Amino acid sequence: MSVEKTCYYETLGVSRSADAKALKSAYRKLAMKYHPDRNPDDKKAEQSFKLVSEAYAVLSDEQKRAAYDRFGHAGVDGSRAGGGGHSADFSDIFEQVFGDAFGDMFGGGRRSSSGPARGSDLRYPLEIELEEAYLGKEVKIKVPTTKTCEECEGNGAEPGTDIETCSTCHGHGRVRVQQGFFTMEQHCRACGGQGTMVKHPCKSCDGVGTQATRRELSVTIPSGVEDGTRIRLSGEGAAGTRGGPPGDLYIFVSVRAHELFERDGANLYCRAPTPMAVAALGGDIEIPTIDGDRKRVNIPAGAQTGKRLRLRGLGMSRLRLPGRGDMIVELFVETPRNLNARQKELLEEFREHCCPNSHPEHSNFFEKAKSIWDKVRGEI
């Protein structure tokens, strides 16, 4: 049984227009309130701390926030803190906001950061036509990303030189500092918390271990894909550091609005102009279909604007399911324009021979109006 996720903005108690400063301020108050070290053995407080940390981890990141604002929780499932993909450590989030001064006080900083780190997840927006969503397609994309530096193999040191253990923290990445009655632990400033020192940085990557690049990928868009669908490409994200695994790439598909068809799930809606004579006498009209074909549709005599005809199996493909949806054709009876003399003459003759039975809706309209007027006059 799935649990409905609480809105991240509501979790932090901020509006959707909140800026970075407001987000940080809201998170600081709630994180201090619910931190497990302040609420020992309180499972409810621990869960609240995780929720506010998860919300802040997403909303404080511009790309993640943009994806969340557009697609909701589905847009950040793969990178959400505590979620099913690459999960963030809540103590790290806390420490980033509060700084090193709270490291030992609230249990942060117990891990060395010198080990391998997973690469970042990447997001790529892809816009396609409705016909492409119906058929599916192979598309080539170029994604800005990072790759492991080939010169130093990702360790950041110039080839032939050694990576030395930091003499300040002795490889731990953290140091203890005495402040009054408190002994606090904080990142080693000498090595930046890595535990190691690169005396001779790699010239190719400036000691970072990764390089910017653009990767060309072939992406399969399945037939029946809907607007807002997310496609995950495992291991195609940014390169990890110090031998860590790469992140994932998420393709967010948006389908452009179509000039003729409006989509509702697997069904398509089409508004078809119908000549007045065909609507009155009955006959056939041609309707375009999403697969590029045409379909002859029989219009019953006396059809009115708004009448709907269902063409079964002529809608969209179903994502990962057999068969197609339906196409619903809504008639729009078109009054003739730009008439020549003979056409006007015929219509005048037709009008002279019309009777109430020819326009029942028109006749009923004034009958209803008359009954309303009679009723009002009777009450005066």
Protein backbone atom coordinates (compact mmCIF):
# COMPACT_ATOMS: atom_id res chain seq x y z
CA MET A 1 0.00 0.00 0.00
CA SER A 2 1.54 3.33 -1.10
CA VAL A 3 1.60 6.32 1.23
CA GLU A 4 0.72 9.71 -0.22
CA LYS A 5 3.67 12.07 -0.01
CA THR A 6 3.28 15.37 1.80
CA CYS A 7 3.97 18.50 -0.24
CA TYR A 8 7.57 19.61 0.36
CA TYR A 9 6.52 23.26 0.67
CA GLU A 10 3.94 22.34 3.31
CA THR A 11 6.54 20.21 5.13
CA LEU A 12 8.82 23.24 5.51
CA GLY A 13 5.90 25.64 6.04
CA VAL A 14 6.87 27.96 3.18
CA SER A 15 5.13 29.25 0.06
CA ARG A 16 5.95 28.01 -3.44
CA SER A 17 7.64 31.35 -4.16
CA ALA A 18 10.00 31.08 -1.17
CA ASP A 19 13.60 32.03 -1.97
CA ALA A 20 16.75 30.23 -0.85
CA LYS A 21 17.03 32.33 2.31
CA ALA A 22 13.47 31.54 3.40
CA LEU A 23 13.96 27.83 2.71
CA LYS A 24 17.15 27.72 4.73
CA SER A 25 15.60 29.62 7.63
CA ALA A 26 12.58 27.29 7.74
CA TYR A 27 14.78 24.22 7.59
CA ARG A 28 17.08 25.46 10.40
CA LYS A 29 14.15 25.91 12.79
CA LEU A 30 12.58 22.54 12.05
CA ALA A 31 15.87 20.61 11.96
CA MET A 32 16.88 21.98 15.36
CA LYS A 33 13.44 21.10 16.72
CA TYR A 34 13.35 17.51 15.46
CA HIS A 35 17.03 16.49 15.48
CA PRO A 36 17.35 12.93 16.92
CA ASP A 37 20.07 14.00 19.37
CA ARG A 38 17.62 16.46 20.91
CA ASN A 39 14.82 13.89 20.90
CA PRO A 40 16.38 10.56 21.88
CA ASP A 41 14.18 7.48 21.37
CA ASP A 42 11.45 9.62 19.80
CA LYS A 43 10.58 7.86 16.53
CA LYS A 44 8.06 10.53 15.54
CA ALA A 45 10.67 13.30 15.87
CA GLU A 46 13.17 11.20 13.93
CA GLN A 47 10.67 10.74 11.08
CA SER A 48 9.88 14.47 11.08
CA PHE A 49 13.61 15.24 10.88
CA LYS A 50 13.93 12.96 7.85
CA LEU A 51 10.92 14.57 6.14
CA VAL A 52 12.14 18.17 6.58
CA SER A 53 15.64 17.15 5.47
CA GLU A 54 14.21 15.40 2.42
CA ALA A 55 12.13 18.47 1.54
CA TYR A 56 15.09 20.83 1.93
CA ALA A 57 17.41 18.57 -0.07
CA VAL A 58 15.05 18.85 -3.06
CA LEU A 59 13.89 22.48 -2.80
CA SER A 60 17.39 23.89 -2.16
CA ASP A 61 18.61 22.40 -5.45
CA GLU A 62 17.47 24.50 -8.45
CA GLN A 63 17.23 21.58 -10.90
CA LYS A 64 15.46 19.28 -8.45
CA ARG A 65 13.08 22.06 -7.44
CA ALA A 66 12.21 22.79 -11.07
CA ALA A 67 11.50 19.10 -11.68
CA TYR A 68 9.41 18.88 -8.50
CA ASP A 69 7.40 22.02 -9.36
CA ARG A 70 6.53 20.55 -12.75
CA PHE A 71 6.11 16.85 -12.06
CA GLY A 72 5.64 16.61 -8.28
CA HIS A 73 7.25 13.73 -6.39
CA ALA A 74 7.54 11.72 -9.63
CA GLY A 75 10.06 14.27 -10.88
CA VAL A 76 12.53 13.65 -8.02
CA ASP A 77 11.98 9.97 -7.18
CA GLY A 78 15.40 8.99 -8.42
CA SER A 79 17.37 11.56 -6.41
CA ARG A 80 15.13 12.32 -3.46
CA ALA A 81 16.77 12.15 -0.07
CA GLY A 82 15.70 8.96 1.57
CA GLY A 83 14.00 7.85 -1.66
CA GLY A 84 14.52 4.84 -3.82
CA GLY A 85 17.46 6.19 -5.85
CA HIS A 86 20.59 7.93 -4.73
CA SER A 87 19.83 8.89 -1.13
CA ALA A 88 21.46 11.79 0.67
CA ASP A 89 22.73 11.52 4.25
CA PHE A 90 20.56 13.70 6.46
CA SER A 91 23.47 14.55 8.77
CA ASP A 92 25.32 15.91 5.73
CA ILE A 93 22.37 18.12 4.82
CA PHE A 94 22.17 19.32 8.42
CA GLU A 95 25.89 20.02 8.52
CA GLN A 96 25.84 21.94 5.25
CA VAL A 97 23.24 24.31 6.68
CA PHE A 98 24.53 24.71 10.23
CA GLY A 99 28.26 24.54 9.54
CA ASP A 100 31.08 22.71 11.27
CA ALA A 101 30.34 24.20 14.70
CA PHE A 102 27.54 21.66 15.28
CA GLY A 103 29.45 18.62 14.01
CA ASP A 104 30.09 16.81 17.30
CA MET A 105 27.14 18.28 19.16
CA PHE A 106 24.57 16.63 16.89
CA GLY A 107 26.39 13.49 15.88
CA GLY A 108 27.57 14.74 12.50
CA GLY A 109 30.98 14.12 11.03
CA ARG A 110 31.44 10.54 12.13
CA ARG A 111 32.31 9.46 8.59
CA SER A 112 35.39 10.18 6.56
CA SER A 113 34.63 11.85 3.25
CA SER A 114 37.80 10.58 1.59
CA GLY A 115 36.17 7.49 0.03
CA PRO A 116 34.57 7.07 -3.39
CA ALA A 117 31.52 9.26 -4.06
CA ARG A 118 28.68 8.51 -6.46
CA GLY A 119 28.24 10.94 -9.35
CA SER A 120 25.31 13.33 -9.56
CA ASP A 121 22.06 12.42 -11.27
CA LEU A 122 21.35 14.43 -14.42
CA ARG A 123 18.07 15.59 -15.94
CA TYR A 124 17.34 16.14 -19.62
CA PRO A 125 14.10 17.69 -20.93
CA LEU A 126 12.91 16.16 -24.21
CA GLU A 127 9.98 17.56 -26.19
CA ILE A 128 8.33 15.38 -28.86
CA GLU A 129 5.35 15.57 -31.22
CA LEU A 130 2.09 13.72 -30.55
CA GLU A 131 2.71 11.55 -33.64
CA GLU A 132 6.09 10.54 -32.18
CA ALA A 133 4.41 9.65 -28.89
CA TYR A 134 1.98 7.46 -30.86
CA LEU A 135 4.66 5.67 -32.89
CA GLY A 136 7.60 5.72 -30.49
CA LYS A 137 11.05 6.59 -31.80
CA GLU A 138 14.80 6.44 -31.37
CA VAL A 139 16.23 9.87 -30.64
CA LYS A 140 19.83 11.05 -30.35
CA ILE A 141 20.54 13.49 -27.53
CA LYS A 142 23.67 15.30 -26.40
CA VAL A 143 23.92 15.58 -22.63
CA PRO A 144 26.33 17.96 -20.81
CA THR A 145 27.98 15.77 -18.17
CA THR A 146 31.34 14.87 -16.63
CA LYS A 147 33.68 11.98 -17.21
CA THR A 148 36.55 10.51 -15.22
CA CYS A 149 39.83 12.18 -16.11
CA GLU A 150 41.82 9.78 -18.27
CA GLU A 151 45.18 11.28 -17.29
CA CYS A 152 44.91 10.77 -13.52
CA GLU A 153 42.19 8.06 -13.65
CA GLY A 154 40.06 10.18 -11.34
CA ASN A 155 42.41 10.60 -8.36
CA GLY A 156 43.27 14.24 -9.16
CA ALA A 157 47.06 13.80 -8.97
CA GLU A 158 49.50 14.37 -11.81
CA PRO A 159 50.54 10.98 -13.23
CA GLY A 160 53.74 9.75 -11.57
CA THR A 161 53.14 11.67 -8.34
CA ASP A 162 51.84 10.33 -5.04
CA ILE A 163 48.73 11.19 -3.04
CA GLU A 164 49.83 11.85 0.52
CA THR A 165 47.94 11.32 3.75
CA CYS A 166 46.98 14.64 5.33
CA SER A 167 49.38 15.38 8.18
CA THR A 168 46.82 17.52 10.00
CA CYS A 169 43.99 14.96 10.36
CA HIS A 170 46.11 11.85 9.67
CA GLY A 171 43.74 10.66 6.97
CA HIS A 172 40.50 10.98 8.96
CA GLY A 173 39.22 14.06 7.15
CA ARG A 174 38.12 15.62 10.45
CA VAL A 175 39.81 17.22 13.44
CA ARG A 176 38.72 17.83 17.03
CA VAL A 177 38.71 21.40 18.31
CA GLN A 178 38.44 22.49 21.97
CA GLN A 179 36.04 25.44 22.50
CA GLY A 180 35.53 26.22 26.17
CA PHE A 181 33.94 23.20 27.85
CA PHE A 182 33.10 21.56 24.51
CA THR A 183 35.19 19.36 22.27
CA MET A 184 33.86 19.67 18.72
CA GLU A 185 34.66 17.83 15.54
CA GLN A 186 34.84 19.60 12.21
CA HIS A 187 36.11 19.17 8.65
CA CYS A 188 39.87 19.33 8.31
CA ARG A 189 40.52 22.62 6.55
CA ALA A 190 43.97 21.51 5.38
CA CYS A 191 42.65 18.76 3.12
CA GLY A 192 39.04 19.88 2.76
CA GLY A 193 37.81 16.80 4.61
CA GLN A 194 39.33 14.38 2.08
CA GLY A 195 41.97 12.90 4.38
CA THR A 196 44.54 13.11 1.61
CA MET A 197 46.62 15.82 -0.01
CA VAL A 198 47.44 16.19 -3.69
CA LYS A 199 50.76 18.00 -3.86
CA HIS A 200 50.86 18.03 -7.66
CA PRO A 201 47.34 18.40 -9.14
CA CYS A 202 46.63 16.82 -12.50
CA LYS A 203 47.05 19.42 -15.24
CA SER A 204 44.22 17.96 -17.33
CA CYS A 205 41.50 18.26 -14.70
CA ASP A 206 43.09 20.76 -12.23
CA GLY A 207 43.04 18.11 -9.54
CA VAL A 208 39.25 17.59 -9.65
CA GLY A 209 39.41 14.08 -11.09
CA THR A 210 36.63 14.71 -13.60
CA GLN A 211 36.29 16.69 -16.82
CA ALA A 212 33.33 18.37 -18.48
CA THR A 213 32.10 16.69 -21.64
CA ARG A 214 29.05 16.22 -23.86
CA ARG A 215 27.88 12.66 -24.32
CA GLU A 216 25.74 11.57 -27.25
CA LEU A 217 23.19 8.93 -26.33
CA SER A 218 20.51 7.03 -28.20
CA VAL A 219 17.22 7.01 -26.27
CA THR A 220 14.26 4.77 -27.07
CA ILE A 221 10.94 6.58 -26.67
CA PRO A 222 8.27 3.87 -26.29
CA SER A 223 5.00 4.14 -28.21
CA GLY A 224 2.17 5.47 -26.07
CA VAL A 225 4.45 7.62 -23.89
CA GLU A 226 2.54 10.36 -22.09
CA ASP A 227 3.38 13.95 -21.23
CA GLY A 228 5.47 14.01 -18.03
CA THR A 229 6.84 10.48 -18.40
CA ARG A 230 10.26 9.97 -16.83
CA ILE A 231 12.79 7.61 -18.44
CA ARG A 232 15.75 6.51 -16.30
CA LEU A 233 19.08 5.59 -17.87
CA SER A 234 21.13 3.91 -15.17
CA GLY A 235 24.80 4.87 -14.97
CA GLU A 236 24.54 7.61 -17.62
CA GLY A 237 24.80 10.52 -15.19
CA ALA A 238 27.86 12.45 -14.02
CA ALA A 239 31.05 10.55 -13.25
CA GLY A 240 31.77 9.62 -9.64
CA THR A 241 34.84 10.88 -7.81
CA ARG A 242 37.71 8.78 -6.50
CA GLY A 243 36.47 5.73 -8.33
CA GLY A 244 32.84 6.11 -7.27
CA PRO A 245 30.03 4.92 -9.59
CA PRO A 246 28.37 7.34 -12.01
CA GLY A 247 24.92 8.79 -11.34
CA ASP A 248 21.82 8.21 -13.45
CA LEU A 249 20.28 10.22 -16.26
CA TYR A 250 16.56 11.04 -16.19
CA ILE A 251 14.80 11.96 -19.42
CA PHE A 252 11.66 14.02 -18.77
CA VAL A 253 9.36 13.74 -21.79
CA SER A 254 6.90 16.48 -22.70
CA VAL A 255 4.47 16.14 -25.62
CA ARG A 256 3.67 19.25 -27.66
CA ALA A 257 0.06 20.34 -28.08
CA HIS A 258 -1.40 19.19 -31.41
CA GLU A 259 -3.28 21.33 -33.94
CA LEU A 260 -6.05 18.77 -34.56
CA PHE A 261 -6.09 16.29 -31.71
CA GLU A 262 -6.48 16.63 -27.98
CA ARG A 263 -5.32 13.70 -25.87
CA ASP A 264 -6.93 12.16 -22.80
CA GLY A 265 -4.98 9.08 -21.81
CA ALA A 266 -5.21 6.66 -24.73
CA ASN A 267 -8.19 8.49 -26.30
CA LEU A 268 -8.03 11.30 -28.84
CA TYR A 269 -10.59 14.04 -29.38
CA CYS A 270 -11.04 15.74 -32.74
CA ARG A 271 -13.39 18.65 -33.57
CA ALA A 272 -14.60 18.14 -37.14
CA PRO A 273 -16.23 20.94 -39.20
CA THR A 274 -19.30 19.51 -40.98
CA PRO A 275 -21.02 21.18 -43.96
CA MET A 276 -24.56 22.26 -43.13
CA ALA A 277 -26.06 20.24 -46.00
CA VAL A 278 -24.30 17.04 -44.85
CA ALA A 279 -25.46 17.59 -41.27
CA ALA A 280 -29.03 18.17 -42.43
CA LEU A 281 -29.33 15.41 -45.05
CA GLY A 282 -26.75 12.94 -43.72
CA GLY A 283 -23.70 11.73 -45.57
CA ASP A 284 -20.01 10.97 -45.22
CA ILE A 285 -17.06 13.14 -44.24
CA GLU A 286 -13.37 12.27 -44.01
CA ILE A 287 -11.53 12.45 -40.68
CA PRO A 288 -7.69 12.43 -40.40
CA THR A 289 -6.21 9.88 -37.97
CA ILE A 290 -3.08 10.01 -35.81
CA ASP A 291 -1.37 7.33 -37.93
CA GLY A 292 -1.49 9.59 -41.01
CA ASP A 293 -4.48 7.85 -42.63
CA ARG A 294 -8.07 8.99 -43.28
CA LYS A 295 -11.33 7.52 -42.07
CA ARG A 296 -14.74 8.00 -43.72
CA VAL A 297 -17.38 8.69 -41.10
CA ASN A 298 -21.13 8.51 -41.69
CA ILE A 299 -23.02 11.53 -40.38
CA PRO A 300 -26.67 10.82 -39.50
CA ALA A 301 -29.31 13.16 -40.94
CA GLY A 302 -30.17 16.05 -38.62
CA ALA A 303 -26.81 15.97 -36.78
CA GLN A 304 -26.22 19.01 -34.58
CA THR A 305 -23.09 20.81 -33.40
CA GLY A 306 -21.64 18.98 -30.41
CA LYS A 307 -22.72 15.49 -31.46
CA ARG A 308 -19.98 12.98 -30.72
CA LEU A 309 -19.07 9.90 -32.74
CA ARG A 310 -16.72 7.26 -31.32
CA LEU A 311 -14.23 5.59 -33.66
CA ARG A 312 -12.98 2.56 -31.76
CA GLY A 313 -9.32 1.63 -31.95
CA LEU A 314 -8.23 4.81 -33.73
CA GLY A 315 -6.78 6.61 -30.69
CA MET A 316 -3.28 6.52 -29.15
CA SER A 317 -1.09 3.51 -28.56
CA ARG A 318 -1.17 2.23 -24.98
CA LEU A 319 2.14 2.40 -23.10
CA ARG A 320 3.41 -1.18 -22.63
CA LEU A 321 -0.07 -2.53 -23.38
CA PRO A 322 -1.61 -3.96 -26.57
CA GLY A 323 -4.26 -2.17 -28.59
CA ARG A 324 -5.17 1.49 -29.02
CA GLY A 325 -7.61 3.88 -27.47
CA ASP A 326 -10.56 5.44 -29.29
CA MET A 327 -10.97 8.64 -31.27
CA ILE A 328 -13.98 10.76 -30.36
CA VAL A 329 -15.11 13.05 -33.18
CA GLU A 330 -17.15 16.09 -32.14
CA LEU A 331 -19.14 17.65 -34.97
CA PHE A 332 -19.19 21.37 -35.61
CA VAL A 333 -21.89 22.28 -38.14
CA GLU A 334 -20.48 24.96 -40.42
CA THR A 335 -22.81 27.64 -41.76
CA PRO A 336 -22.01 28.36 -45.43
CA ARG A 337 -20.36 31.68 -46.27
CA ASN A 338 -19.46 33.60 -49.44
CA LEU A 339 -22.64 32.47 -51.20
CA ASN A 340 -23.27 33.22 -54.87
CA ALA A 341 -26.63 34.43 -56.20
CA ARG A 342 -27.96 30.96 -57.01
CA GLN A 343 -27.03 29.58 -53.58
CA LYS A 344 -28.76 32.48 -51.88
CA GLU A 345 -31.83 31.91 -54.03
CA LEU A 346 -31.99 28.24 -53.03
CA LEU A 347 -31.63 29.08 -49.35
CA GLU A 348 -34.38 31.70 -49.60
CA GLU A 349 -36.63 29.09 -51.18
CA PHE A 350 -35.71 26.63 -48.44
CA ARG A 351 -36.54 29.19 -45.75
CA GLU A 352 -39.96 29.83 -47.28
CA HIS A 353 -40.79 26.14 -47.10
CA CYS A 354 -39.51 25.62 -43.54
CA CYS A 355 -41.91 24.73 -40.77
CA PRO A 356 -41.55 24.36 -36.98
CA ASN A 357 -40.77 20.66 -37.41
CA SER A 358 -37.70 21.60 -39.44
CA HIS A 359 -36.19 23.54 -36.50
CA PRO A 360 -37.62 21.91 -33.35
CA GLU A 361 -34.97 23.38 -31.04
CA HIS A 362 -35.72 26.89 -32.30
CA SER A 363 -39.46 26.40 -31.79
CA ASN A 364 -39.02 24.89 -28.31
CA PHE A 365 -36.77 27.78 -27.34
CA PHE A 366 -39.58 30.33 -27.81
CA GLU A 367 -42.20 28.02 -26.31
CA LYS A 368 -40.09 27.86 -23.13
CA ALA A 369 -39.63 31.63 -23.16
CA LYS A 370 -43.38 32.16 -23.56
CA SER A 371 -44.20 29.87 -20.63
CA ILE A 372 -41.73 31.79 -18.42
CA TRP A 373 -43.23 35.15 -19.41
CA ASP A 374 -46.79 33.91 -18.80
CA LYS A 375 -45.81 32.64 -15.38
CA VAL A 376 -44.19 35.96 -14.43
CA ARG A 377 -47.15 37.98 -15.64
CA GLY A 378 -49.50 35.73 -13.66
CA GLU A 379 -47.63 36.45 -10.45
CA ILE A 380 -47.75 40.24 -10.90
